[in-house]
Amino acid sequence: MVAFFAVRSGESCNFPIRIPGMMASSGIAQKPGHGTLRQANITTFVYTAARGYKGSDSFAIYGSGEGPYGSGRSVITVNATIQ
């Protein structure tokens, strides 16, 4: 799974995860290269772009739990455009 968003240099963006079913755990699978990423709660992450940097960045987060078709773990790669 892949997601995209844009953020201004030095600013933050909330990134919520929404899945059908119940999420049991989540976390950071890969840290960004040009900013910081923190987990606000089990379903929300906050990315902050490095001040002065413009270009692209990426990170990966995971979520695991049980949905209507079974249980498992998904990894989401997130691509950011820093303006």
Protein backbone atom coordinates (compact mmCIF):
# COMPACT_ATOMS: atom_id res chain seq x y z
CA MET A 1 0.00 0.00 0.00
CA VAL A 2 1.30 3.48 -0.88
CA ALA A 3 0.14 6.92 0.26
CA PHE A 4 1.11 10.46 -0.81
CA PHE A 5 0.90 13.93 0.73
CA ALA A 6 2.50 17.39 0.48
CA VAL A 7 3.76 19.58 3.32
CA ARG A 8 5.71 22.84 3.55
CA SER A 9 9.32 22.83 4.70
CA GLY A 10 9.52 22.92 8.52
CA GLU A 11 5.81 22.19 9.00
CA SER A 12 3.93 19.15 10.33
CA CYS A 13 1.23 16.91 8.93
CA ASN A 14 -0.99 14.43 10.81
CA PHE A 15 -1.29 11.08 9.08
CA PRO A 16 -4.18 8.94 10.40
CA ILE A 17 -4.62 5.26 9.57
CA ARG A 18 -8.18 4.09 8.98
CA ILE A 19 -8.88 0.39 8.52
CA PRO A 20 -12.05 -1.66 8.78
CA GLY A 21 -12.03 -3.79 11.90
CA MET A 22 -9.92 -3.45 15.04
CA MET A 23 -6.30 -2.30 15.05
CA ALA A 24 -4.24 -4.13 17.68
CA SER A 25 -0.88 -2.41 17.14
CA SER A 26 0.94 0.02 14.87
CA GLY A 27 4.36 1.59 14.60
CA ILE A 28 7.12 3.03 12.48
CA ALA A 29 8.63 0.51 10.05
CA GLN A 30 11.08 2.96 8.38
CA LYS A 31 12.04 6.46 9.53
CA PRO A 32 12.00 9.41 7.11
CA GLY A 33 15.27 10.73 5.72
CA HIS A 34 14.42 14.46 5.69
CA GLY A 35 12.20 14.99 8.70
CA THR A 36 10.90 13.39 11.86
CA LEU A 37 8.03 10.99 12.46
CA ARG A 38 6.33 10.31 15.77
CA GLN A 39 3.38 8.19 16.73
CA ALA A 40 0.64 10.29 18.40
CA ASN A 41 -1.58 7.27 19.20
CA ILE A 42 -2.37 3.84 17.75
CA THR A 43 -4.02 5.31 14.62
CA THR A 44 -2.23 8.65 14.08
CA PHE A 45 1.33 9.59 13.11
CA VAL A 46 2.82 13.09 12.85
CA TYR A 47 5.44 13.88 10.20
CA THR A 48 7.50 17.09 10.46
CA ALA A 49 9.55 18.12 7.44
CA ALA A 50 13.10 19.33 8.07
CA ARG A 51 13.31 23.13 8.07
CA GLY A 52 14.93 24.45 4.90
CA TYR A 53 14.60 21.18 2.98
CA LYS A 54 12.59 21.01 -0.23
CA GLY A 55 12.18 17.84 -2.24
CA SER A 56 10.87 14.36 -1.54
CA ASP A 57 10.91 12.14 1.51
CA SER A 58 9.44 8.77 2.40
CA PHE A 59 8.77 6.60 5.42
CA ALA A 60 6.85 3.43 6.24
CA ILE A 61 4.37 2.63 8.99
CA TYR A 62 2.62 -0.62 9.89
CA GLY A 63 -0.66 -1.63 11.40
CA SER A 64 -1.86 -5.02 12.57
CA GLY A 65 -5.21 -6.23 13.73
CA GLU A 66 -8.34 -8.06 12.77
CA GLY A 67 -10.72 -7.11 9.98
CA PRO A 68 -13.77 -8.55 8.26
CA TYR A 69 -11.65 -10.99 6.19
CA GLY A 70 -9.09 -12.10 8.78
CA SER A 71 -6.12 -10.79 10.70
CA GLY A 72 -2.66 -9.67 9.69
CA ARG A 73 -0.14 -6.87 9.35
CA SER A 74 0.01 -4.24 6.62
CA VAL A 75 2.88 -1.90 5.79
CA ILE A 76 2.12 1.48 4.24
CA THR A 77 4.87 3.34 2.38
CA VAL A 78 4.25 7.09 2.53
CA ASN A 79 5.80 9.46 -0.02
CA ALA A 80 5.95 13.14 0.90
CA THR A 81 6.59 16.18 -1.27
CA ILE A 82 8.20 18.96 0.78
CA GLN A 83 7.52 22.40 -0.69
